[in-house]
Amino acid sequence: MFKDCTFIGTAEPTTLARSPKNGASTYPYAEAVLLNCTLSGILPEGWSAADEGGKVRFWEYQSRNPDGSPVDVSKRSPLSRQLDEKKDAKLIADYSNPAFVLDGWSRS
């Protein structure tokens, strides 16, 4: 989970995350959630290959360009999802809470 972060692509535009096949192994459980992040040098599809039969969560909410304008997400991978401010309000609030993301763990 990334909140209020900046992602800068490499020398060539890149993707945010992928769930690769590594030899005979796959990674069917992948999660990357971006909330209010700034993206630069990221390909229009945003997300790369994933195990389509798995439980992949490539979610974004309010991704922005460096100038503050909204990222054009019209070409995002069909495996990804744009979170909706109203419909996904609880999900956005949960993922904004470190205790939720870390399954109850906190610094004492």
PDB file of N, CA and C in Angstrom:
ATOM      1  N   MET A   1       0.848  -1.158   0.000  1.00  0.00           N
ATOM      2  CA  MET A   1       0.000   0.000   0.000  1.00  0.00           C
ATOM      3  C   MET A   1       0.901   1.230   0.000  1.00  0.00           C
ATOM      4  N   PHE A   2       0.559   2.159  -0.867  1.00  0.00           N
ATOM      5  CA  PHE A   2       1.328   3.390  -0.984  1.00  0.00           C
ATOM      6  C   PHE A   2       0.353   4.561  -0.899  1.00  0.00           C
ATOM      7  N   LYS A   3       0.615   5.480   0.006  1.00  0.00           N
ATOM      8  CA  LYS A   3      -0.254   6.648   0.171  1.00  0.00           C
ATOM      9  C   LYS A   3       0.605   7.904   0.086  1.00  0.00           C
ATOM     10  N   ASP A   4       0.161   8.826  -0.767  1.00  0.00           N
ATOM     11  CA  ASP A   4       0.855  10.106  -0.933  1.00  0.00           C
ATOM     12  C   ASP A   4       2.317   9.915  -1.334  1.00  0.00           C
ATOM     13  N   CYS A   5       2.567   8.947  -2.193  1.00  0.00           N
ATOM     14  CA  CYS A   5       3.922   8.636  -2.659  1.00  0.00           C
ATOM     15  C   CYS A   5       4.129   9.139  -4.086  1.00  0.00           C
ATOM     16  N   THR A   6       5.371   9.161  -4.511  1.00  0.00           N
ATOM     17  CA  THR A   6       5.718   9.510  -5.885  1.00  0.00           C
ATOM     18  C   THR A   6       6.416   8.333  -6.531  1.00  0.00           C
ATOM     19  N   PHE A   7       5.930   7.948  -7.706  1.00  0.00           N
ATOM     20  CA  PHE A   7       6.543   6.888  -8.496  1.00  0.00           C
ATOM     21  C   PHE A   7       7.144   7.526  -9.738  1.00  0.00           C
ATOM     22  N   ILE A   8       8.428   7.292  -9.973  1.00  0.00           N
ATOM     23  CA  ILE A   8       9.114   7.834 -11.143  1.00  0.00           C
ATOM     24  C   ILE A   8       9.641   6.658 -11.945  1.00  0.00           C
ATOM     25  N   GLY A   9       9.171   6.541 -13.192  1.00  0.00           N
ATOM     26  CA  GLY A   9       9.611   5.455 -14.055  1.00  0.00           C
ATOM     27  C   GLY A   9      11.091   5.554 -14.368  1.00  0.00           C
ATOM     28  N   THR A  10      11.636   4.452 -14.836  1.00  0.00           N
ATOM     29  CA  THR A  10      13.044   4.411 -15.210  1.00  0.00           C
ATOM     30  C   THR A  10      13.264   5.196 -16.502  1.00  0.00           C
ATOM     31  N   ALA A  11      14.425   5.042 -17.111  1.00  0.00           N
ATOM     32  CA  ALA A  11      14.772   5.785 -18.330  1.00  0.00           C
ATOM     33  C   ALA A  11      13.708   5.638 -19.411  1.00  0.00           C
ATOM     34  N   GLU A  12      13.076   4.459 -19.465  1.00  0.00           N
ATOM     35  CA  GLU A  12      11.961   4.255 -20.376  1.00  0.00           C
ATOM     36  C   GLU A  12      10.709   4.129 -19.530  1.00  0.00           C
ATOM     37  N   PRO A  13       9.555   4.548 -20.046  1.00  0.00           N
ATOM     38  CA  PRO A  13       8.336   4.377 -19.250  1.00  0.00           C
ATOM     39  C   PRO A  13       8.183   2.929 -18.793  1.00  0.00           C
ATOM     40  N   THR A  14       7.678   2.770 -17.603  1.00  0.00           N
ATOM     41  CA  THR A  14       7.589   1.457 -16.973  1.00  0.00           C
ATOM     42  C   THR A  14       6.197   1.238 -16.395  1.00  0.00           C
ATOM     43  N   THR A  15       5.987   0.070 -15.822  1.00  0.00           N
ATOM     44  CA  THR A  15       4.716  -0.221 -15.165  1.00  0.00           C
ATOM     45  C   THR A  15       4.895  -0.127 -13.654  1.00  0.00           C
ATOM     46  N   LEU A  16       3.779  -0.079 -12.960  1.00  0.00           N
ATOM     47  CA  LEU A  16       3.806   0.067 -11.509  1.00  0.00           C
ATOM     48  C   LEU A  16       4.126  -1.241 -10.790  1.00  0.00           C
ATOM     49  N   ALA A  17       3.511  -2.328 -11.229  1.00  0.00           N
ATOM     50  CA  ALA A  17       3.713  -3.615 -10.565  1.00  0.00           C
ATOM     51  C   ALA A  17       3.317  -4.727 -11.526  1.00  0.00           C
ATOM     52  N   ARG A  18       3.750  -5.920 -11.179  1.00  0.00           N
ATOM     53  CA  ARG A  18       3.371  -7.088 -11.955  1.00  0.00           C
ATOM     54  C   ARG A  18       3.341  -8.289 -11.024  1.00  0.00           C
ATOM     55  N   SER A  19       2.680  -9.322 -11.462  1.00  0.00           N
ATOM     56  CA  SER A  19       2.622 -10.561 -10.718  1.00  0.00           C
ATOM     57  C   SER A  19       3.150 -11.633 -11.662  1.00  0.00           C
ATOM     58  N   PRO A  20       4.464 -11.808 -11.699  1.00  0.00           N
ATOM     59  CA  PRO A  20       5.078 -12.599 -12.758  1.00  0.00           C
ATOM     60  C   PRO A  20       4.985 -14.105 -12.553  1.00  0.00           C
ATOM     61  N   LYS A  21       5.215 -14.781 -13.643  1.00  0.00           N
ATOM     62  CA  LYS A  21       5.453 -16.214 -13.591  1.00  0.00           C
ATOM     63  C   LYS A  21       6.968 -16.357 -13.516  1.00  0.00           C
ATOM     64  N   ASN A  22       7.423 -17.133 -12.578  1.00  0.00           N
ATOM     65  CA  ASN A  22       8.860 -17.298 -12.370  1.00  0.00           C
ATOM     66  C   ASN A  22       9.170 -18.787 -12.512  1.00  0.00           C
ATOM     67  N   GLY A  23       9.551 -19.201 -13.711  1.00  0.00           N
ATOM     68  CA  GLY A  23       9.744 -20.619 -13.971  1.00  0.00           C
ATOM     69  C   GLY A  23       8.408 -21.323 -13.877  1.00  0.00           C
ATOM     70  N   ALA A  24       8.324 -22.337 -13.049  1.00  0.00           N
ATOM     71  CA  ALA A  24       7.073 -23.074 -12.873  1.00  0.00           C
ATOM     72  C   ALA A  24       6.184 -22.432 -11.806  1.00  0.00           C
ATOM     73  N   SER A  25       6.703 -21.447 -11.108  1.00  0.00           N
ATOM     74  CA  SER A  25       5.946 -20.810 -10.029  1.00  0.00           C
ATOM     75  C   SER A  25       5.189 -19.591 -10.525  1.00  0.00           C
ATOM     76  N   THR A  26       4.032 -19.379  -9.950  1.00  0.00           N
ATOM     77  CA  THR A  26       3.291 -18.146 -10.196  1.00  0.00           C
ATOM     78  C   THR A  26       3.002 -17.506  -8.845  1.00  0.00           C
ATOM     79  N   TYR A  27       2.574 -16.289  -8.897  1.00  0.00           N
ATOM     80  CA  TYR A  27       2.265 -15.549  -7.688  1.00  0.00           C
ATOM     81  C   TYR A  27       0.825 -15.052  -7.793  1.00  0.00           C
ATOM     82  N   PRO A  28      -0.134 -15.917  -7.450  1.00  0.00           N
ATOM     83  CA  PRO A  28      -1.542 -15.573  -7.672  1.00  0.00           C
ATOM     84  C   PRO A  28      -2.104 -14.550  -6.695  1.00  0.00           C
ATOM     85  N   TYR A  29      -1.395 -14.272  -5.617  1.00  0.00           N
ATOM     86  CA  TYR A  29      -1.872 -13.295  -4.645  1.00  0.00           C
ATOM     87  C   TYR A  29      -0.942 -12.091  -4.687  1.00  0.00           C
ATOM     88  N   ALA A  30      -1.402 -11.058  -5.354  1.00  0.00           N
ATOM     89  CA  ALA A  30      -0.598  -9.846  -5.483  1.00  0.00           C
ATOM     90  C   ALA A  30      -1.483  -8.654  -5.146  1.00  0.00           C
ATOM     91  N   GLU A  31      -0.911  -7.705  -4.413  1.00  0.00           N
ATOM     92  CA  GLU A  31      -1.678  -6.524  -4.051  1.00  0.00           C
ATOM     93  C   GLU A  31      -0.777  -5.303  -4.080  1.00  0.00           C
ATOM     94  N   ALA A  32      -1.227  -4.293  -4.776  1.00  0.00           N
ATOM     95  CA  ALA A  32      -0.577  -2.989  -4.783  1.00  0.00           C
ATOM     96  C   ALA A  32      -1.694  -1.956  -4.822  1.00  0.00           C
ATOM     97  N   VAL A  33      -1.780  -1.160  -3.804  1.00  0.00           N
ATOM     98  CA  VAL A  33      -2.826  -0.151  -3.686  1.00  0.00           C
ATOM     99  C   VAL A  33      -2.150   1.203  -3.606  1.00  0.00           C
ATOM    100  N   LEU A  34      -2.512   2.091  -4.523  1.00  0.00           N
ATOM    101  CA  LEU A  34      -1.953   3.437  -4.568  1.00  0.00           C
ATOM    102  C   LEU A  34      -3.049   4.441  -4.238  1.00  0.00           C
ATOM    103  N   LEU A  35      -2.841   5.235  -3.205  1.00  0.00           N
ATOM    104  CA  LEU A  35      -3.797   6.272  -2.815  1.00  0.00           C
ATOM    105  C   LEU A  35      -3.122   7.629  -2.911  1.00  0.00           C
ATOM    106  N   ASN A  36      -3.689   8.511  -3.722  1.00  0.00           N
ATOM    107  CA  ASN A  36      -3.198   9.889  -3.841  1.00  0.00           C
ATOM    108  C   ASN A  36      -1.720   9.950  -4.213  1.00  0.00           C
ATOM    109  N   CYS A  37      -1.321   9.142  -5.174  1.00  0.00           N
ATOM    110  CA  CYS A  37       0.089   9.095  -5.561  1.00  0.00           C
ATOM    111  C   CYS A  37       0.355   9.914  -6.820  1.00  0.00           C
ATOM    112  N   THR A  38       1.579  10.396  -6.949  1.00  0.00           N
ATOM    113  CA  THR A  38       2.038  11.119  -8.129  1.00  0.00           C
ATOM    114  C   THR A  38       2.835  10.148  -8.979  1.00  0.00           C
ATOM    115  N   LEU A  39       2.501  10.103 -10.285  1.00  0.00           N
ATOM    116  CA  LEU A  39       3.135   9.166 -11.197  1.00  0.00           C
ATOM    117  C   LEU A  39       3.825   9.905 -12.330  1.00  0.00           C
ATOM    118  N   SER A  40       5.051   9.501 -12.619  1.00  0.00           N
ATOM    119  CA  SER A  40       5.816  10.101 -13.704  1.00  0.00           C
ATOM    120  C   SER A  40       6.555   8.988 -14.449  1.00  0.00           C
ATOM    121  N   GLY A  41       6.463   8.969 -15.778  1.00  0.00           N
ATOM    122  CA  GLY A  41       7.165   7.962 -16.561  1.00  0.00           C
ATOM    123  C   GLY A  41       6.536   6.581 -16.474  1.00  0.00           C
ATOM    124  N   ILE A  42       5.237   6.524 -16.216  1.00  0.00           N
ATOM    125  CA  ILE A  42       4.511   5.257 -16.104  1.00  0.00           C
ATOM    126  C   ILE A  42       3.703   5.047 -17.385  1.00  0.00           C
ATOM    127  N   LEU A  43       3.777   3.838 -17.932  1.00  0.00           N
ATOM    128  CA  LEU A  43       3.032   3.518 -19.154  1.00  0.00           C
ATOM    129  C   LEU A  43       1.529   3.681 -18.942  1.00  0.00           C
ATOM    130  N   PRO A  44       0.777   3.988 -20.010  1.00  0.00           N
ATOM    131  CA  PRO A  44      -0.671   4.176 -19.874  1.00  0.00           C
ATOM    132  C   PRO A  44      -1.404   2.980 -19.266  1.00  0.00           C
ATOM    133  N   GLU A  45      -0.929   1.741 -19.538  1.00  0.00           N
ATOM    134  CA  GLU A  45      -1.611   0.580 -18.952  1.00  0.00           C
ATOM    135  C   GLU A  45      -1.350   0.468 -17.454  1.00  0.00           C
ATOM    136  N   GLY A  46      -0.337   1.164 -16.970  1.00  0.00           N
ATOM    137  CA  GLY A  46      -0.063   1.241 -15.536  1.00  0.00           C
ATOM    138  C   GLY A  46       0.472  -0.015 -14.904  1.00  0.00           C
ATOM    139  N   TRP A  47      -0.199  -1.111 -15.117  1.00  0.00           N
ATOM    140  CA  TRP A  47       0.124  -2.367 -14.449  1.00  0.00           C
ATOM    141  C   TRP A  47       0.521  -3.394 -15.497  1.00  0.00           C
ATOM    142  N   SER A  48       1.406  -4.297 -15.126  1.00  0.00           N
ATOM    143  CA  SER A  48       1.912  -5.292 -16.059  1.00  0.00           C
ATOM    144  C   SER A  48       1.257  -6.645 -15.813  1.00  0.00           C
ATOM    145  N   ALA A  49       1.863  -7.681 -16.370  1.00  0.00           N
ATOM    146  CA  ALA A  49       1.314  -9.034 -16.342  1.00  0.00           C
ATOM    147  C   ALA A  49       0.958  -9.489 -14.929  1.00  0.00           C
ATOM    148  N   ALA A  50      -0.117 -10.244 -14.861  1.00  0.00           N
ATOM    149  CA  ALA A  50      -0.553 -10.802 -13.584  1.00  0.00           C
ATOM    150  C   ALA A  50      -1.195 -12.158 -13.831  1.00  0.00           C
ATOM    151  N   ASP A  51      -1.215 -12.967 -12.800  1.00  0.00           N
ATOM    152  CA  ASP A  51      -1.878 -14.258 -12.863  1.00  0.00           C
ATOM    153  C   ASP A  51      -3.381 -14.001 -12.855  1.00  0.00           C
ATOM    154  N   GLU A  52      -4.000 -14.087 -14.024  1.00  0.00           N
ATOM    155  CA  GLU A  52      -5.414 -13.731 -14.155  1.00  0.00           C
ATOM    156  C   GLU A  52      -6.336 -14.646 -13.353  1.00  0.00           C
ATOM    157  N   GLY A  53      -5.871 -15.834 -13.006  1.00  0.00           N
ATOM    158  CA  GLY A  53      -6.703 -16.739 -12.221  1.00  0.00           C
ATOM    159  C   GLY A  53      -6.559 -16.517 -10.733  1.00  0.00           C
ATOM    160  N   GLY A  54      -5.661 -15.633 -10.356  1.00  0.00           N
ATOM    161  CA  GLY A  54      -5.385 -15.412  -8.943  1.00  0.00           C
ATOM    162  C   GLY A  54      -6.203 -14.279  -8.357  1.00  0.00           C
ATOM    163  N   LYS A  55      -5.779 -13.863  -7.197  1.00  0.00           N
ATOM    164  CA  LYS A  55      -6.436 -12.762  -6.492  1.00  0.00           C
ATOM    165  C   LYS A  55      -5.503 -11.560  -6.544  1.00  0.00           C
ATOM    166  N   VAL A  56      -5.617 -10.821  -7.630  1.00  0.00           N
ATOM    167  CA  VAL A  56      -4.755  -9.682  -7.873  1.00  0.00           C
ATOM    168  C   VAL A  56      -5.518  -8.403  -7.559  1.00  0.00           C
ATOM    169  N   ARG A  57      -4.888  -7.552  -6.773  1.00  0.00           N
ATOM    170  CA  ARG A  57      -5.471  -6.240  -6.481  1.00  0.00           C
ATOM    171  C   ARG A  57      -4.466  -5.190  -6.911  1.00  0.00           C
ATOM    172  N   PHE A  58      -4.689  -4.631  -8.058  1.00  0.00           N
ATOM    173  CA  PHE A  58      -3.930  -3.486  -8.543  1.00  0.00           C
ATOM    174  C   PHE A  58      -4.914  -2.325  -8.520  1.00  0.00           C
ATOM    175  N   TRP A  59      -4.953  -1.604  -7.429  1.00  0.00           N
ATOM    176  CA  TRP A  59      -5.961  -0.572  -7.207  1.00  0.00           C
ATOM    177  C   TRP A  59      -5.311   0.800  -7.122  1.00  0.00           C
ATOM    178  N   GLU A  60      -6.050   1.803  -7.627  1.00  0.00           N
ATOM    179  CA  GLU A  60      -5.583   3.195  -7.563  1.00  0.00           C
ATOM    180  C   GLU A  60      -6.725   4.103  -7.139  1.00  0.00           C
ATOM    181  N   TYR A  61      -6.347   5.163  -6.482  1.00  0.00           N
ATOM    182  CA  TYR A  61      -7.293   6.213  -6.135  1.00  0.00           C
ATOM    183  C   TYR A  61      -6.593   7.553  -6.270  1.00  0.00           C
ATOM    184  N   GLN A  62      -7.128   8.389  -7.122  1.00  0.00           N
ATOM    185  CA  GLN A  62      -6.653   9.755  -7.347  1.00  0.00           C
ATOM    186  C   GLN A  62      -5.178   9.847  -7.717  1.00  0.00           C
ATOM    187  N   SER A  63      -4.752   9.013  -8.664  1.00  0.00           N
ATOM    188  CA  SER A  63      -3.377   9.130  -9.172  1.00  0.00           C
ATOM    189  C   SER A  63      -3.241  10.437  -9.938  1.00  0.00           C
ATOM    190  N   ARG A  64      -2.133  11.121  -9.744  1.00  0.00           N
ATOM    191  CA  ARG A  64      -1.888  12.440 -10.333  1.00  0.00           C
ATOM    192  C   ARG A  64      -0.589  12.462 -11.116  1.00  0.00           C
ATOM    193  N   ASN A  65      -0.538  13.365 -12.087  1.00  0.00           N
ATOM    194  CA  ASN A  65       0.694  13.678 -12.805  1.00  0.00           C
ATOM    195  C   ASN A  65       1.503  14.645 -11.941  1.00  0.00           C
ATOM    196  N   PRO A  66       2.790  14.829 -12.245  1.00  0.00           N
ATOM    197  CA  PRO A  66       3.603  15.764 -11.458  1.00  0.00           C
ATOM    198  C   PRO A  66       3.035  17.183 -11.394  1.00  0.00           C
ATOM    199  N   ASP A  67       2.273  17.596 -12.411  1.00  0.00           N
ATOM    200  CA  ASP A  67       1.695  18.943 -12.390  1.00  0.00           C
ATOM    201  C   ASP A  67       0.400  19.015 -11.583  1.00  0.00           C
ATOM    202  N   GLY A  68      -0.022  17.879 -10.994  1.00  0.00           N
ATOM    203  CA  GLY A  68      -1.228  17.845 -10.171  1.00  0.00           C
ATOM    204  C   GLY A  68      -2.497  17.439 -10.911  1.00  0.00           C
ATOM    205  N   SER A  69      -2.422  17.351 -12.220  1.00  0.00           N
ATOM    206  CA  SER A  69      -3.601  16.943 -12.987  1.00  0.00           C
ATOM    207  C   SER A  69      -3.832  15.433 -12.839  1.00  0.00           C
ATOM    208  N   PRO A  70      -5.085  14.994 -12.985  1.00  0.00           N
ATOM    209  CA  PRO A  70      -5.360  13.557 -12.864  1.00  0.00           C
ATOM    210  C   PRO A  70      -4.678  12.754 -13.972  1.00  0.00           C
ATOM    211  N   VAL A  71      -4.200  11.572 -13.634  1.00  0.00           N
ATOM    212  CA  VAL A  71      -3.620  10.662 -14.622  1.00  0.00           C
ATOM    213  C   VAL A  71      -4.759  10.139 -15.502  1.00  0.00           C
ATOM    214  N   ASP A  72      -4.514  10.042 -16.807  1.00  0.00           N
ATOM    215  CA  ASP A  72      -5.479   9.438 -17.721  1.00  0.00           C
ATOM    216  C   ASP A  72      -5.415   7.934 -17.502  1.00  0.00           C
ATOM    217  N   VAL A  73      -6.446   7.361 -16.912  1.00  0.00           N
ATOM    218  CA  VAL A  73      -6.462   5.935 -16.597  1.00  0.00           C
ATOM    219  C   VAL A  73      -7.300   5.139 -17.601  1.00  0.00           C
ATOM    220  N   SER A  74      -7.656   5.761 -18.711  1.00  0.00           N
ATOM    221  CA  SER A  74      -8.529   5.098 -19.690  1.00  0.00           C
ATOM    222  C   SER A  74      -7.887   3.874 -20.344  1.00  0.00           C
ATOM    223  N   LYS A  75      -6.569   3.766 -20.294  1.00  0.00           N
ATOM    224  CA  LYS A  75      -5.890   2.625 -20.917  1.00  0.00           C
ATOM    225  C   LYS A  75      -5.291   1.675 -19.877  1.00  0.00           C
ATOM    226  N   ARG A  76      -5.732   1.784 -18.647  1.00  0.00           N
ATOM    227  CA  ARG A  76      -5.214   0.918 -17.591  1.00  0.00           C
ATOM    228  C   ARG A  76      -5.546  -0.546 -17.881  1.00  0.00           C
ATOM    229  N   SER A  77      -4.694  -1.424 -17.385  1.00  0.00           N
ATOM    230  CA  SER A  77      -4.892  -2.860 -17.519  1.00  0.00           C
ATOM    231  C   SER A  77      -6.274  -3.239 -17.008  1.00  0.00           C
ATOM    232  N   PRO A  78      -6.950  -4.169 -17.704  1.00  0.00           N
ATOM    233  CA  PRO A  78      -8.263  -4.605 -17.224  1.00  0.00           C
ATOM    234  C   PRO A  78      -8.195  -5.327 -15.880  1.00  0.00           C
ATOM    235  N   LEU A  79      -7.000  -5.735 -15.460  1.00  0.00           N
ATOM    236  CA  LEU A  79      -6.853  -6.376 -14.150  1.00  0.00           C
ATOM    237  C   LEU A  79      -6.811  -5.364 -13.012  1.00  0.00           C
ATOM    238  N   SER A  80      -6.674  -4.088 -13.364  1.00  0.00           N
ATOM    239  CA  SER A  80      -6.594  -3.060 -12.330  1.00  0.00           C
ATOM    240  C   SER A  80      -7.970  -2.467 -12.066  1.00  0.00           C
ATOM    241  N   ARG A  81      -8.035  -1.674 -11.019  1.00  0.00           N
ATOM    242  CA  ARG A  81      -9.317  -1.059 -10.648  1.00  0.00           C
ATOM    243  C   ARG A  81      -9.070   0.341 -10.109  1.00  0.00           C
ATOM    244  N   GLN A  82      -9.921   1.259 -10.526  1.00  0.00           N
ATOM    245  CA  GLN A  82      -9.914   2.604  -9.980  1.00  0.00           C
ATOM    246  C   GLN A  82     -10.920   2.646  -8.837  1.00  0.00           C
ATOM    247  N   LEU A  83     -10.465   3.033  -7.658  1.00  0.00           N
ATOM    248  CA  LEU A  83     -11.368   3.122  -6.524  1.00  0.00           C
ATOM    249  C   LEU A  83     -12.217   4.384  -6.643  1.00  0.00           C
ATOM    250  N   ASP A  84     -13.467   4.259  -6.288  1.00  0.00           N
ATOM    251  CA  ASP A  84     -14.437   5.350  -6.361  1.00  0.00           C
ATOM    252  C   ASP A  84     -14.596   5.991  -4.985  1.00  0.00           C
ATOM    253  N   GLU A  85     -14.535   7.308  -4.946  1.00  0.00           N
ATOM    254  CA  GLU A  85     -14.583   8.042  -3.680  1.00  0.00           C
ATOM    255  C   GLU A  85     -15.776   7.664  -2.811  1.00  0.00           C
ATOM    256  N   LYS A  86     -16.954   7.526  -3.412  1.00  0.00           N
ATOM    257  CA  LYS A  86     -18.158   7.217  -2.627  1.00  0.00           C
ATOM    258  C   LYS A  86     -18.338   5.718  -2.439  1.00  0.00           C
ATOM    259  N   LYS A  87     -18.307   4.985  -3.519  1.00  0.00           N
ATOM    260  CA  LYS A  87     -18.553   3.539  -3.465  1.00  0.00           C
ATOM    261  C   LYS A  87     -17.496   2.808  -2.625  1.00  0.00           C
ATOM    262  N   ASP A  88     -16.260   3.273  -2.693  1.00  0.00           N
ATOM    263  CA  ASP A  88     -15.156   2.603  -2.006  1.00  0.00           C
ATOM    264  C   ASP A  88     -14.630   3.390  -0.809  1.00  0.00           C
ATOM    265  N   ALA A  89     -15.462   4.248  -0.226  1.00  0.00           N
ATOM    266  CA  ALA A  89     -15.016   5.114   0.880  1.00  0.00           C
ATOM    267  C   ALA A  89     -14.433   4.303   2.040  1.00  0.00           C
ATOM    268  N   LYS A  90     -15.079   3.214   2.423  1.00  0.00           N
ATOM    269  CA  LYS A  90     -14.570   2.403   3.530  1.00  0.00           C
ATOM    270  C   LYS A  90     -13.245   1.755   3.159  1.00  0.00           C
ATOM    271  N   LEU A  91     -13.143   1.253   1.964  1.00  0.00           N
ATOM    272  CA  LEU A  91     -11.901   0.629   1.494  1.00  0.00           C
ATOM    273  C   LEU A  91     -10.752   1.639   1.497  1.00  0.00           C
ATOM    274  N   ILE A  92     -11.019   2.844   1.008  1.00  0.00           N
ATOM    275  CA  ILE A  92     -10.002   3.903   0.986  1.00  0.00           C
ATOM    276  C   ILE A  92      -9.597   4.267   2.412  1.00  0.00           C
ATOM    277  N   ALA A  93     -10.575   4.379   3.296  1.00  0.00           N
ATOM    278  CA  ALA A  93     -10.269   4.688   4.702  1.00  0.00           C
ATOM    279  C   ALA A  93      -9.467   3.557   5.341  1.00  0.00           C
ATOM    280  N   ASP A  94      -9.864   2.318   5.079  1.00  0.00           N
ATOM    281  CA  ASP A  94      -9.127   1.176   5.641  1.00  0.00           C
ATOM    282  C   ASP A  94      -7.676   1.180   5.171  1.00  0.00           C
ATOM    283  N   TYR A  95      -7.470   1.342   3.873  1.00  0.00           N
ATOM    284  CA  TYR A  95      -6.105   1.310   3.340  1.00  0.00           C
ATOM    285  C   TYR A  95      -5.292   2.546   3.713  1.00  0.00           C
ATOM    286  N   SER A  96      -5.946   3.566   4.229  1.00  0.00           N
ATOM    287  CA  SER A  96      -5.239   4.749   4.723  1.00  0.00           C
ATOM    288  C   SER A  96      -4.791   4.563   6.168  1.00  0.00           C
ATOM    289  N   ASN A  97      -5.223   3.484   6.783  1.00  0.00           N
ATOM    290  CA  ASN A  97      -4.945   3.201   8.187  1.00  0.00           C
ATOM    291  C   ASN A  97      -3.828   2.154   8.292  1.00  0.00           C
ATOM    292  N   PRO A  98      -2.649   2.524   8.798  1.00  0.00           N
ATOM    293  CA  PRO A  98      -1.543   1.571   8.895  1.00  0.00           C
ATOM    294  C   PRO A  98      -1.893   0.302   9.677  1.00  0.00           C
ATOM    295  N   ALA A  99      -2.701   0.402  10.716  1.00  0.00           N
ATOM    296  CA  ALA A  99      -3.067  -0.779  11.503  1.00  0.00           C
ATOM    297  C   ALA A  99      -3.857  -1.771  10.646  1.00  0.00           C
ATOM    298  N   PHE A 100      -4.697  -1.275   9.745  1.00  0.00           N
ATOM    299  CA  PHE A 100      -5.427  -2.162   8.833  1.00  0.00           C
ATOM    300  C   PHE A 100      -4.464  -2.842   7.870  1.00  0.00           C
ATOM    301  N   VAL A 101      -3.604  -2.050   7.274  1.00  0.00           N
ATOM    302  CA  VAL A 101      -2.656  -2.578   6.276  1.00  0.00           C
ATOM    303  C   VAL A 101      -1.732  -3.602   6.917  1.00  0.00           C
ATOM    304  N   LEU A 102      -1.323  -3.376   8.156  1.00  0.00           N
ATOM    305  CA  LEU A 102      -0.376  -4.260   8.838  1.00  0.00           C
ATOM    306  C   LEU A 102      -1.090  -5.260   9.748  1.00  0.00           C
ATOM    307  N   ASP A 103      -2.375  -5.469   9.511  1.00  0.00           N
ATOM    308  CA  ASP A 103      -3.169  -6.468  10.234  1.00  0.00           C
ATOM    309  C   ASP A 103      -3.087  -6.295  11.748  1.00  0.00           C
ATOM    310  N   GLY A 104      -3.236  -5.042  12.192  1.00  0.00           N
ATOM    311  CA  GLY A 104      -3.275  -4.757  13.627  1.00  0.00           C
ATOM    312  C   GLY A 104      -1.953  -4.380  14.263  1.00  0.00           C
ATOM    313  N   TRP A 105      -0.848  -4.622  13.565  1.00  0.00           N
ATOM    314  CA  TRP A 105       0.462  -4.298  14.135  1.00  0.00           C
ATOM    315  C   TRP A 105       0.612  -2.785  14.226  1.00  0.00           C
ATOM    316  N   SER A 106       1.224  -2.320  15.287  1.00  0.00           N
ATOM    317  CA  SER A 106       1.550  -0.902  15.417  1.00  0.00           C
ATOM    318  C   SER A 106       2.829  -0.750  16.221  1.00  0.00           C
ATOM    319  N   ARG A 107       3.454   0.410  16.071  1.00  0.00           N
ATOM    320  CA  ARG A 107       4.638   0.702  16.886  1.00  0.00           C
ATOM    321  C   ARG A 107       4.170   0.995  18.300  1.00  0.00           C
ATOM    322  N   SER A 108       4.818   0.439  19.245  1.00  0.00           N
ATOM    323  CA  SER A 108       4.428   0.706  20.651  1.00  0.00           C
ATOM    324  C   SER A 108       5.426   1.586  21.328  1.00  0.00           C
TER     325      SER A 108
END
